[in-house]
Structures are given as structure tokens and as C-alpha cells.
Amino acid sequence: SIAGLISDEQASIVIETYEKLNEKI
């Protein structure tokens, strides 16, 4: 949500979602 570059969420939430993306990749 921040400039299309940065999440406004806590690091743990960002990491969890990013790891899901990498698994699905």
C-alpha cells in the first residue's frame, strides 16, 4: 500500500505471504 513498494503490515505478515508466493512460484 505504500507506493506500491512497501507493506504497511508487520514483518511477520509480509514474510508469511511472501513465502507463500515463493512456494507457489
mmCIF file of all heavy atoms, coordinates in Angstrom:
data_MODEL
# 
_entry.id   MODEL 
# 
loop_
_atom_site.group_PDB 
_atom_site.id 
_atom_site.type_symbol 
_atom_site.label_atom_id 
_atom_site.label_alt_id 
_atom_site.label_comp_id 
_atom_site.label_asym_id 
_atom_site.label_entity_id 
_atom_site.label_seq_id 
_atom_site.pdbx_PDB_ins_code 
_atom_site.Cartn_x 
_atom_site.Cartn_y 
_atom_site.Cartn_z 
_atom_site.occupancy 
_atom_site.B_iso_or_equiv 
_atom_site.pdbx_formal_charge 
_atom_site.auth_seq_id 
_atom_site.auth_comp_id 
_atom_site.auth_asym_id 
_atom_site.auth_atom_id 
_atom_site.pdbx_PDB_model_num 
ATOM 1   N N   . SER A 1 1  ? 0.805  -1.226  0.000  1.00 0.00 ? 1  SER A N   1 
ATOM 2   C CA  . SER A 1 1  ? 0.000  0.000   0.000  1.00 0.00 ? 1  SER A CA  1 
ATOM 3   C C   . SER A 1 1  ? 0.835  1.272   0.000  1.00 0.00 ? 1  SER A C   1 
ATOM 4   O O   . SER A 1 1  ? 0.328  2.344   -0.331 1.00 0.00 ? 1  SER A O   1 
ATOM 5   C CB  . SER A 1 1  ? -0.933 0.001   1.219  1.00 0.00 ? 1  SER A CB  1 
ATOM 6   O OG  . SER A 1 1  ? -0.177 -0.041  2.423  1.00 0.00 ? 1  SER A OG  1 
ATOM 7   N N   . ILE A 1 2  ? 2.096  1.183   0.362  1.00 0.00 ? 2  ILE A N   1 
ATOM 8   C CA  . ILE A 1 2  ? 2.972  2.363   0.393  1.00 0.00 ? 2  ILE A CA  1 
ATOM 9   C C   . ILE A 1 2  ? 3.756  2.411   -0.913 1.00 0.00 ? 2  ILE A C   1 
ATOM 10  O O   . ILE A 1 2  ? 4.694  1.633   -1.131 1.00 0.00 ? 2  ILE A O   1 
ATOM 11  C CB  . ILE A 1 2  ? 3.916  2.323   1.605  1.00 0.00 ? 2  ILE A CB  1 
ATOM 12  C CG1 . ILE A 1 2  ? 3.122  2.243   2.914  1.00 0.00 ? 2  ILE A CG1 1 
ATOM 13  C CG2 . ILE A 1 2  ? 4.833  3.559   1.611  1.00 0.00 ? 2  ILE A CG2 1 
ATOM 14  C CD1 . ILE A 1 2  ? 3.946  1.914   4.134  1.00 0.00 ? 2  ILE A CD1 1 
ATOM 15  N N   . ALA A 1 3  ? 3.325  3.262   -1.816 1.00 0.00 ? 3  ALA A N   1 
ATOM 16  C CA  . ALA A 1 3  ? 3.990  3.498   -3.102 1.00 0.00 ? 3  ALA A CA  1 
ATOM 17  C C   . ALA A 1 3  ? 4.031  2.272   -4.010 1.00 0.00 ? 3  ALA A C   1 
ATOM 18  O O   . ALA A 1 3  ? 4.773  2.247   -4.979 1.00 0.00 ? 3  ALA A O   1 
ATOM 19  C CB  . ALA A 1 3  ? 5.405  4.041   -2.882 1.00 0.00 ? 3  ALA A CB  1 
ATOM 20  N N   . GLY A 1 4  ? 3.242  1.253   -3.694 1.00 0.00 ? 4  GLY A N   1 
ATOM 21  C CA  . GLY A 1 4  ? 3.322  0.016   -4.463 1.00 0.00 ? 4  GLY A CA  1 
ATOM 22  C C   . GLY A 1 4  ? 4.613  -0.732  -4.242 1.00 0.00 ? 4  GLY A C   1 
ATOM 23  O O   . GLY A 1 4  ? 4.949  -1.657  -4.986 1.00 0.00 ? 4  GLY A O   1 
ATOM 24  N N   . LEU A 1 5  ? 5.358  -0.350  -3.201 1.00 0.00 ? 5  LEU A N   1 
ATOM 25  C CA  . LEU A 1 5  ? 6.673  -0.923  -2.906 1.00 0.00 ? 5  LEU A CA  1 
ATOM 26  C C   . LEU A 1 5  ? 6.758  -1.546  -1.526 1.00 0.00 ? 5  LEU A C   1 
ATOM 27  O O   . LEU A 1 5  ? 7.517  -2.498  -1.310 1.00 0.00 ? 5  LEU A O   1 
ATOM 28  C CB  . LEU A 1 5  ? 7.752  0.174   -2.997 1.00 0.00 ? 5  LEU A CB  1 
ATOM 29  C CG  . LEU A 1 5  ? 7.902  0.929   -4.312 1.00 0.00 ? 5  LEU A CG  1 
ATOM 30  C CD1 . LEU A 1 5  ? 8.893  2.080   -4.141 1.00 0.00 ? 5  LEU A CD1 1 
ATOM 31  C CD2 . LEU A 1 5  ? 8.349  -0.002  -5.419 1.00 0.00 ? 5  LEU A CD2 1 
ATOM 32  N N   . ILE A 1 6  ? 6.016  -0.999  -0.578 1.00 0.00 ? 6  ILE A N   1 
ATOM 33  C CA  . ILE A 1 6  ? 6.185  -1.312  0.837  1.00 0.00 ? 6  ILE A CA  1 
ATOM 34  C C   . ILE A 1 6  ? 4.842  -1.674  1.447  1.00 0.00 ? 6  ILE A C   1 
ATOM 35  O O   . ILE A 1 6  ? 3.826  -1.030  1.167  1.00 0.00 ? 6  ILE A O   1 
ATOM 36  C CB  . ILE A 1 6  ? 6.795  -0.110  1.583  1.00 0.00 ? 6  ILE A CB  1 
ATOM 37  C CG1 . ILE A 1 6  ? 8.171  0.245   1.009  1.00 0.00 ? 6  ILE A CG1 1 
ATOM 38  C CG2 . ILE A 1 6  ? 6.894  -0.367  3.075  1.00 0.00 ? 6  ILE A CG2 1 
ATOM 39  C CD1 . ILE A 1 6  ? 8.713  1.575   1.508  1.00 0.00 ? 6  ILE A CD1 1 
ATOM 40  N N   . SER A 1 7  ? 4.858  -2.675  2.305  1.00 0.00 ? 7  SER A N   1 
ATOM 41  C CA  . SER A 1 7  ? 3.650  -3.056  3.033  1.00 0.00 ? 7  SER A CA  1 
ATOM 42  C C   . SER A 1 7  ? 3.531  -2.252  4.320  1.00 0.00 ? 7  SER A C   1 
ATOM 43  O O   . SER A 1 7  ? 4.537  -1.901  4.946  1.00 0.00 ? 7  SER A O   1 
ATOM 44  C CB  . SER A 1 7  ? 3.690  -4.545  3.373  1.00 0.00 ? 7  SER A CB  1 
ATOM 45  O OG  . SER A 1 7  ? 2.609  -4.895  4.221  1.00 0.00 ? 7  SER A OG  1 
ATOM 46  N N   . ASP A 1 8  ? 2.317  -1.998  4.723  1.00 0.00 ? 8  ASP A N   1 
ATOM 47  C CA  . ASP A 1 8  ? 2.061  -1.326  5.997  1.00 0.00 ? 8  ASP A CA  1 
ATOM 48  C C   . ASP A 1 8  ? 1.880  -2.328  7.130  1.00 0.00 ? 8  ASP A C   1 
ATOM 49  O O   . ASP A 1 8  ? 1.599  -1.954  8.261  1.00 0.00 ? 8  ASP A O   1 
ATOM 50  C CB  . ASP A 1 8  ? 0.815  -0.439  5.867  1.00 0.00 ? 8  ASP A CB  1 
ATOM 51  C CG  . ASP A 1 8  ? 0.749  0.633   6.953  1.00 0.00 ? 8  ASP A CG  1 
ATOM 52  O OD1 . ASP A 1 8  ? 1.818  1.079   7.406  1.00 0.00 ? 8  ASP A OD1 1 
ATOM 53  O OD2 . ASP A 1 8  ? -0.368 0.997   7.360  1.00 0.00 ? 8  ASP A OD2 1 
ATOM 54  N N   . GLU A 1 9  ? 2.044  -3.604  6.809  1.00 0.00 ? 9  GLU A N   1 
ATOM 55  C CA  . GLU A 1 9  ? 1.852  -4.659  7.803  1.00 0.00 ? 9  GLU A CA  1 
ATOM 56  C C   . GLU A 1 9  ? 3.137  -4.948  8.571  1.00 0.00 ? 9  GLU A C   1 
ATOM 57  O O   . GLU A 1 9  ? 4.225  -4.512  8.186  1.00 0.00 ? 9  GLU A O   1 
ATOM 58  C CB  . GLU A 1 9  ? 1.388  -5.943  7.105  1.00 0.00 ? 9  GLU A CB  1 
ATOM 59  C CG  . GLU A 1 9  ? 0.052  -5.838  6.392  1.00 0.00 ? 9  GLU A CG  1 
ATOM 60  C CD  . GLU A 1 9  ? -1.128 -5.849  7.356  1.00 0.00 ? 9  GLU A CD  1 
ATOM 61  O OE1 . GLU A 1 9  ? -0.920 -5.984  8.570  1.00 0.00 ? 9  GLU A OE1 1 
ATOM 62  O OE2 . GLU A 1 9  ? -2.271 -5.733  6.867  1.00 0.00 ? 9  GLU A OE2 1 
ATOM 63  N N   . GLN A 1 10 ? 2.989  -5.732  9.636  1.00 0.00 ? 10 GLN A N   1 
ATOM 64  C CA  . GLN A 1 10 ? 4.153  -6.180  10.398 1.00 0.00 ? 10 GLN A CA  1 
ATOM 65  C C   . GLN A 1 10 ? 5.000  -7.126  9.541  1.00 0.00 ? 10 GLN A C   1 
ATOM 66  O O   . GLN A 1 10 ? 4.502  -7.802  8.634  1.00 0.00 ? 10 GLN A O   1 
ATOM 67  C CB  . GLN A 1 10 ? 3.710  -6.895  11.668 1.00 0.00 ? 10 GLN A CB  1 
ATOM 68  C CG  . GLN A 1 10 ? 3.021  -6.006  12.686 1.00 0.00 ? 10 GLN A CG  1 
ATOM 69  C CD  . GLN A 1 10 ? 2.619  -6.769  13.937 1.00 0.00 ? 10 GLN A CD  1 
ATOM 70  O OE1 . GLN A 1 10 ? 2.729  -7.994  13.992 1.00 0.00 ? 10 GLN A OE1 1 
ATOM 71  N NE2 . GLN A 1 10 ? 2.149  -6.058  14.935 1.00 0.00 ? 10 GLN A NE2 1 
ATOM 72  N N   . ALA A 1 11 ? 6.270  -7.193  9.882  1.00 0.00 ? 11 ALA A N   1 
ATOM 73  C CA  . ALA A 1 11 ? 7.195  -8.017  9.105  1.00 0.00 ? 11 ALA A CA  1 
ATOM 74  C C   . ALA A 1 11 ? 6.741  -9.474  9.043  1.00 0.00 ? 11 ALA A C   1 
ATOM 75  O O   . ALA A 1 11 ? 6.848  -10.121 7.997  1.00 0.00 ? 11 ALA A O   1 
ATOM 76  C CB  . ALA A 1 11 ? 8.597  -7.923  9.701  1.00 0.00 ? 11 ALA A CB  1 
ATOM 77  N N   . SER A 1 12 ? 6.228  -9.999  10.136 1.00 0.00 ? 12 SER A N   1 
ATOM 78  C CA  . SER A 1 12 ? 5.825  -11.410 10.173 1.00 0.00 ? 12 SER A CA  1 
ATOM 79  C C   . SER A 1 12 ? 4.745  -11.710 9.140  1.00 0.00 ? 12 SER A C   1 
ATOM 80  O O   . SER A 1 12 ? 4.752  -12.771 8.497  1.00 0.00 ? 12 SER A O   1 
ATOM 81  C CB  . SER A 1 12 ? 5.336  -11.787 11.573 1.00 0.00 ? 12 SER A CB  1 
ATOM 82  O OG  . SER A 1 12 ? 4.238  -10.966 11.961 1.00 0.00 ? 12 SER A OG  1 
ATOM 83  N N   . ILE A 1 13 ? 3.807  -10.781 8.950  1.00 0.00 ? 13 ILE A N   1 
ATOM 84  C CA  . ILE A 1 13 ? 2.729  -10.977 7.970  1.00 0.00 ? 13 ILE A CA  1 
ATOM 85  C C   . ILE A 1 13 ? 3.282  -10.898 6.559  1.00 0.00 ? 13 ILE A C   1 
ATOM 86  O O   . ILE A 1 13 ? 2.926  -11.695 5.681  1.00 0.00 ? 13 ILE A O   1 
ATOM 87  C CB  . ILE A 1 13 ? 1.621  -9.927  8.192  1.00 0.00 ? 13 ILE A CB  1 
ATOM 88  C CG1 . ILE A 1 13 ? 0.974  -10.129 9.563  1.00 0.00 ? 13 ILE A CG1 1 
ATOM 89  C CG2 . ILE A 1 13 ? 0.572  -9.988  7.082  1.00 0.00 ? 13 ILE A CG2 1 
ATOM 90  C CD1 . ILE A 1 13 ? -0.015 -9.055  9.949  1.00 0.00 ? 13 ILE A CD1 1 
ATOM 91  N N   . VAL A 1 14 ? 4.164  -9.921  6.312  1.00 0.00 ? 14 VAL A N   1 
ATOM 92  C CA  . VAL A 1 14 ? 4.771  -9.772  4.988  1.00 0.00 ? 14 VAL A CA  1 
ATOM 93  C C   . VAL A 1 14 ? 5.574  -11.022 4.638  1.00 0.00 ? 14 VAL A C   1 
ATOM 94  O O   . VAL A 1 14 ? 5.472  -11.552 3.518  1.00 0.00 ? 14 VAL A O   1 
ATOM 95  C CB  . VAL A 1 14 ? 5.665  -8.521  4.942  1.00 0.00 ? 14 VAL A CB  1 
ATOM 96  C CG1 . VAL A 1 14 ? 6.333  -8.392  3.577  1.00 0.00 ? 14 VAL A CG1 1 
ATOM 97  C CG2 . VAL A 1 14 ? 4.854  -7.266  5.249  1.00 0.00 ? 14 VAL A CG2 1 
ATOM 98  N N   . ILE A 1 15 ? 6.355  -11.512 5.571  1.00 0.00 ? 15 ILE A N   1 
ATOM 99  C CA  . ILE A 1 15 ? 7.194  -12.688 5.332  1.00 0.00 ? 15 ILE A CA  1 
ATOM 100 C C   . ILE A 1 15 ? 6.337  -13.912 5.051  1.00 0.00 ? 15 ILE A C   1 
ATOM 101 O O   . ILE A 1 15 ? 6.609  -14.685 4.120  1.00 0.00 ? 15 ILE A O   1 
ATOM 102 C CB  . ILE A 1 15 ? 8.132  -12.931 6.531  1.00 0.00 ? 15 ILE A CB  1 
ATOM 103 C CG1 . ILE A 1 15 ? 9.172  -11.816 6.605  1.00 0.00 ? 15 ILE A CG1 1 
ATOM 104 C CG2 . ILE A 1 15 ? 8.815  -14.292 6.419  1.00 0.00 ? 15 ILE A CG2 1 
ATOM 105 C CD1 . ILE A 1 15 ? 9.946  -11.786 7.907  1.00 0.00 ? 15 ILE A CD1 1 
ATOM 106 N N   . GLU A 1 16 ? 5.287  -14.093 5.830  1.00 0.00 ? 16 GLU A N   1 
ATOM 107 C CA  . GLU A 1 16 ? 4.407  -15.254 5.634  1.00 0.00 ? 16 GLU A CA  1 
ATOM 108 C C   . GLU A 1 16 ? 3.792  -15.254 4.237  1.00 0.00 ? 16 GLU A C   1 
ATOM 109 O O   . GLU A 1 16 ? 3.794  -16.274 3.538  1.00 0.00 ? 16 GLU A O   1 
ATOM 110 C CB  . GLU A 1 16 ? 3.308  -15.253 6.695  1.00 0.00 ? 16 GLU A CB  1 
ATOM 111 C CG  . GLU A 1 16 ? 2.348  -16.434 6.577  1.00 0.00 ? 16 GLU A CG  1 
ATOM 112 C CD  . GLU A 1 16 ? 1.230  -16.392 7.606  1.00 0.00 ? 16 GLU A CD  1 
ATOM 113 O OE1 . GLU A 1 16 ? 1.180  -15.440 8.410  1.00 0.00 ? 16 GLU A OE1 1 
ATOM 114 O OE2 . GLU A 1 16 ? 0.392  -17.316 7.587  1.00 0.00 ? 16 GLU A OE2 1 
ATOM 115 N N   . THR A 1 17 ? 3.275  -14.102 3.810  1.00 0.00 ? 17 THR A N   1 
ATOM 116 C CA  . THR A 1 17 ? 2.659  -14.020 2.485  1.00 0.00 ? 17 THR A CA  1 
ATOM 117 C C   . THR A 1 17 ? 3.696  -14.172 1.385  1.00 0.00 ? 17 THR A C   1 
ATOM 118 O O   . THR A 1 17 ? 3.455  -14.850 0.375  1.00 0.00 ? 17 THR A O   1 
ATOM 119 C CB  . THR A 1 17 ? 1.919  -12.682 2.316  1.00 0.00 ? 17 THR A CB  1 
ATOM 120 O OG1 . THR A 1 17 ? 1.029  -12.488 3.415  1.00 0.00 ? 17 THR A OG1 1 
ATOM 121 C CG2 . THR A 1 17 ? 1.134  -12.651 1.018  1.00 0.00 ? 17 THR A CG2 1 
ATOM 122 N N   . TYR A 1 18 ? 4.853  -13.571 1.579  1.00 0.00 ? 18 TYR A N   1 
ATOM 123 C CA  . TYR A 1 18 ? 5.910  -13.662 0.572  1.00 0.00 ? 18 TYR A CA  1 
ATOM 124 C C   . TYR A 1 18 ? 6.402  -15.103 0.426  1.00 0.00 ? 18 TYR A C   1 
ATOM 125 O O   . TYR A 1 18 ? 6.671  -15.569 -0.693 1.00 0.00 ? 18 TYR A O   1 
ATOM 126 C CB  . TYR A 1 18 ? 7.063  -12.736 0.952  1.00 0.00 ? 18 TYR A CB  1 
ATOM 127 C CG  . TYR A 1 18 ? 8.133  -12.650 -0.102 1.00 0.00 ? 18 TYR A CG  1 
ATOM 128 C CD1 . TYR A 1 18 ? 7.880  -12.046 -1.329 1.00 0.00 ? 18 TYR A CD1 1 
ATOM 129 C CD2 . TYR A 1 18 ? 9.402  -13.177 0.116  1.00 0.00 ? 18 TYR A CD2 1 
ATOM 130 C CE1 . TYR A 1 18 ? 8.856  -11.982 -2.313 1.00 0.00 ? 18 TYR A CE1 1 
ATOM 131 C CE2 . TYR A 1 18 ? 10.383 -13.113 -0.855 1.00 0.00 ? 18 TYR A CE2 1 
ATOM 132 C CZ  . TYR A 1 18 ? 10.101 -12.508 -2.065 1.00 0.00 ? 18 TYR A CZ  1 
ATOM 133 O OH  . TYR A 1 18 ? 11.075 -12.445 -3.034 1.00 0.00 ? 18 TYR A OH  1 
ATOM 134 N N   . GLU A 1 19 ? 6.503  -15.818 1.524  1.00 0.00 ? 19 GLU A N   1 
ATOM 135 C CA  . GLU A 1 19 ? 6.916  -17.218 1.456  1.00 0.00 ? 19 GLU A CA  1 
ATOM 136 C C   . GLU A 1 19 ? 5.875  -18.076 0.746  1.00 0.00 ? 19 GLU A C   1 
ATOM 137 O O   . GLU A 1 19 ? 6.219  -19.016 0.020  1.00 0.00 ? 19 GLU A O   1 
ATOM 138 C CB  . GLU A 1 19 ? 7.203  -17.746 2.867  1.00 0.00 ? 19 GLU A CB  1 
ATOM 139 C CG  . GLU A 1 19 ? 8.500  -17.184 3.460  1.00 0.00 ? 19 GLU A CG  1 
ATOM 140 C CD  . GLU A 1 19 ? 8.780  -17.691 4.861  1.00 0.00 ? 19 GLU A CD  1 
ATOM 141 O OE1 . GLU A 1 19 ? 7.827  -18.177 5.512  1.00 0.00 ? 19 GLU A OE1 1 
ATOM 142 O OE2 . GLU A 1 19 ? 9.943  -17.592 5.299  1.00 0.00 ? 19 GLU A OE2 1 
ATOM 143 N N   . LYS A 1 20 ? 4.595  -17.741 0.926  1.00 0.00 ? 20 LYS A N   1 
ATOM 144 C CA  . LYS A 1 20 ? 3.542  -18.459 0.197  1.00 0.00 ? 20 LYS A CA  1 
ATOM 145 C C   . LYS A 1 20 ? 3.685  -18.231 -1.304 1.00 0.00 ? 20 LYS A C   1 
ATOM 146 O O   . LYS A 1 20 ? 3.535  -19.153 -2.110 1.00 0.00 ? 20 LYS A O   1 
ATOM 147 C CB  . LYS A 1 20 ? 2.161  -17.991 0.667  1.00 0.00 ? 20 LYS A CB  1 
ATOM 148 C CG  . LYS A 1 20 ? 1.741  -18.526 2.019  1.00 0.00 ? 20 LYS A CG  1 
ATOM 149 C CD  . LYS A 1 20 ? 0.346  -18.025 2.384  1.00 0.00 ? 20 LYS A CD  1 
ATOM 150 C CE  . LYS A 1 20 ? -0.065 -18.531 3.760  1.00 0.00 ? 20 LYS A CE  1 
ATOM 151 N NZ  . LYS A 1 20 ? -1.409 -18.000 4.156  1.00 0.00 ? 20 LYS A NZ  1 
ATOM 152 N N   . LEU A 1 21 ? 3.983  -16.985 -1.672 1.00 0.00 ? 21 LEU A N   1 
ATOM 153 C CA  . LEU A 1 21 ? 4.204  -16.675 -3.084 1.00 0.00 ? 21 LEU A CA  1 
ATOM 154 C C   . LEU A 1 21 ? 5.361  -17.485 -3.649 1.00 0.00 ? 21 LEU A C   1 
ATOM 155 O O   . LEU A 1 21 ? 5.275  -18.033 -4.752 1.00 0.00 ? 21 LEU A O   1 
ATOM 156 C CB  . LEU A 1 21 ? 4.477  -15.179 -3.253 1.00 0.00 ? 21 LEU A CB  1 
ATOM 157 C CG  . LEU A 1 21 ? 3.262  -14.247 -3.208 1.00 0.00 ? 21 LEU A CG  1 
ATOM 158 C CD1 . LEU A 1 21 ? 3.717  -12.803 -2.993 1.00 0.00 ? 21 LEU A CD1 1 
ATOM 159 C CD2 . LEU A 1 21 ? 2.447  -14.349 -4.489 1.00 0.00 ? 21 LEU A CD2 1 
ATOM 160 N N   . ASN A 1 22 ? 6.437  -17.581 -2.889 1.00 0.00 ? 22 ASN A N   1 
ATOM 161 C CA  . ASN A 1 22 ? 7.608  -18.328 -3.362 1.00 0.00 ? 22 ASN A CA  1 
ATOM 162 C C   . ASN A 1 22 ? 7.321  -19.821 -3.483 1.00 0.00 ? 22 ASN A C   1 
ATOM 163 O O   . ASN A 1 22 ? 7.828  -20.499 -4.384 1.00 0.00 ? 22 ASN A O   1 
ATOM 164 C CB  . ASN A 1 22 ? 8.793  -18.089 -2.430 1.00 0.00 ? 22 ASN A CB  1 
ATOM 165 C CG  . ASN A 1 22 ? 9.474  -16.759 -2.704 1.00 0.00 ? 22 ASN A CG  1 
ATOM 166 O OD1 . ASN A 1 22 ? 9.456  -16.268 -3.836 1.00 0.00 ? 22 ASN A OD1 1 
ATOM 167 N ND2 . ASN A 1 22 ? 10.060 -16.164 -1.686 1.00 0.00 ? 22 ASN A ND2 1 
ATOM 168 N N   . GLU A 1 23 ? 6.507  -20.345 -2.565 1.00 0.00 ? 23 GLU A N   1 
ATOM 169 C CA  . GLU A 1 23 ? 6.111  -21.755 -2.662 1.00 0.00 ? 23 GLU A CA  1 
ATOM 170 C C   . GLU A 1 23 ? 5.316  -21.995 -3.941 1.00 0.00 ? 23 GLU A C   1 
ATOM 171 O O   . GLU A 1 23 ? 5.539  -22.965 -4.675 1.00 0.00 ? 23 GLU A O   1 
ATOM 172 C CB  . GLU A 1 23 ? 5.273  -22.151 -1.446 1.00 0.00 ? 23 GLU A CB  1 
ATOM 173 C CG  . GLU A 1 23 ? 6.051  -22.260 -0.154 1.00 0.00 ? 23 GLU A CG  1 
ATOM 174 C CD  . GLU A 1 23 ? 5.130  -22.502 1.039  1.00 0.00 ? 23 GLU A CD  1 
ATOM 175 O OE1 . GLU A 1 23 ? 3.934  -22.797 0.811  1.00 0.00 ? 23 GLU A OE1 1 
ATOM 176 O OE2 . GLU A 1 23 ? 5.600  -22.385 2.184  1.00 0.00 ? 23 GLU A OE2 1 
ATOM 177 N N   . LYS A 1 24 ? 4.370  -21.097 -4.218 1.00 0.00 ? 24 LYS A N   1 
ATOM 178 C CA  . LYS A 1 24 ? 3.515  -21.266 -5.392 1.00 0.00 ? 24 LYS A CA  1 
ATOM 179 C C   . LYS A 1 24 ? 4.281  -21.024 -6.691 1.00 0.00 ? 24 LYS A C   1 
ATOM 180 O O   . LYS A 1 24 ? 3.929  -21.594 -7.729 1.00 0.00 ? 24 LYS A O   1 
ATOM 181 C CB  . LYS A 1 24 ? 2.305  -20.340 -5.282 1.00 0.00 ? 24 LYS A CB  1 
ATOM 182 C CG  . LYS A 1 24 ? 1.346  -20.737 -4.158 1.00 0.00 ? 24 LYS A CG  1 
ATOM 183 C CD  . LYS A 1 24 ? 0.106  -19.887 -4.128 1.00 0.00 ? 24 LYS A CD  1 
ATOM 184 C CE  . LYS A 1 24 ? -0.838 -20.325 -3.018 1.00 0.00 ? 24 LYS A CE  1 
ATOM 185 N NZ  . LYS A 1 24 ? -1.338 -21.710 -3.229 1.00 0.00 ? 24 LYS A NZ  1 
ATOM 186 N N   . ILE A 1 25 ? 5.317  -20.193 -6.630 1.00 0.00 ? 25 ILE A N   1 
ATOM 187 C CA  . ILE A 1 25 ? 6.145  -19.980 -7.822 1.00 0.00 ? 25 ILE A CA  1 
ATOM 188 C C   . ILE A 1 25 ? 6.766  -21.298 -8.282 1.00 0.00 ? 25 ILE A C   1 
ATOM 189 O O   . ILE A 1 25 ? 6.793  -21.614 -9.467 1.00 0.00 ? 25 ILE A O   1 
ATOM 190 C CB  . ILE A 1 25 ? 7.227  -18.924 -7.545 1.00 0.00 ? 25 ILE A CB  1 
ATOM 191 C CG1 . ILE A 1 25 ? 6.668  -17.528 -7.807 1.00 0.00 ? 25 ILE A CG1 1 
ATOM 192 C CG2 . ILE A 1 25 ? 8.466  -19.144 -8.391 1.00 0.00 ? 25 ILE A CG2 1 
ATOM 193 C CD1 . ILE A 1 25 ? 7.641  -16.407 -7.599 1.00 0.00 ? 25 ILE A CD1 1 
# 
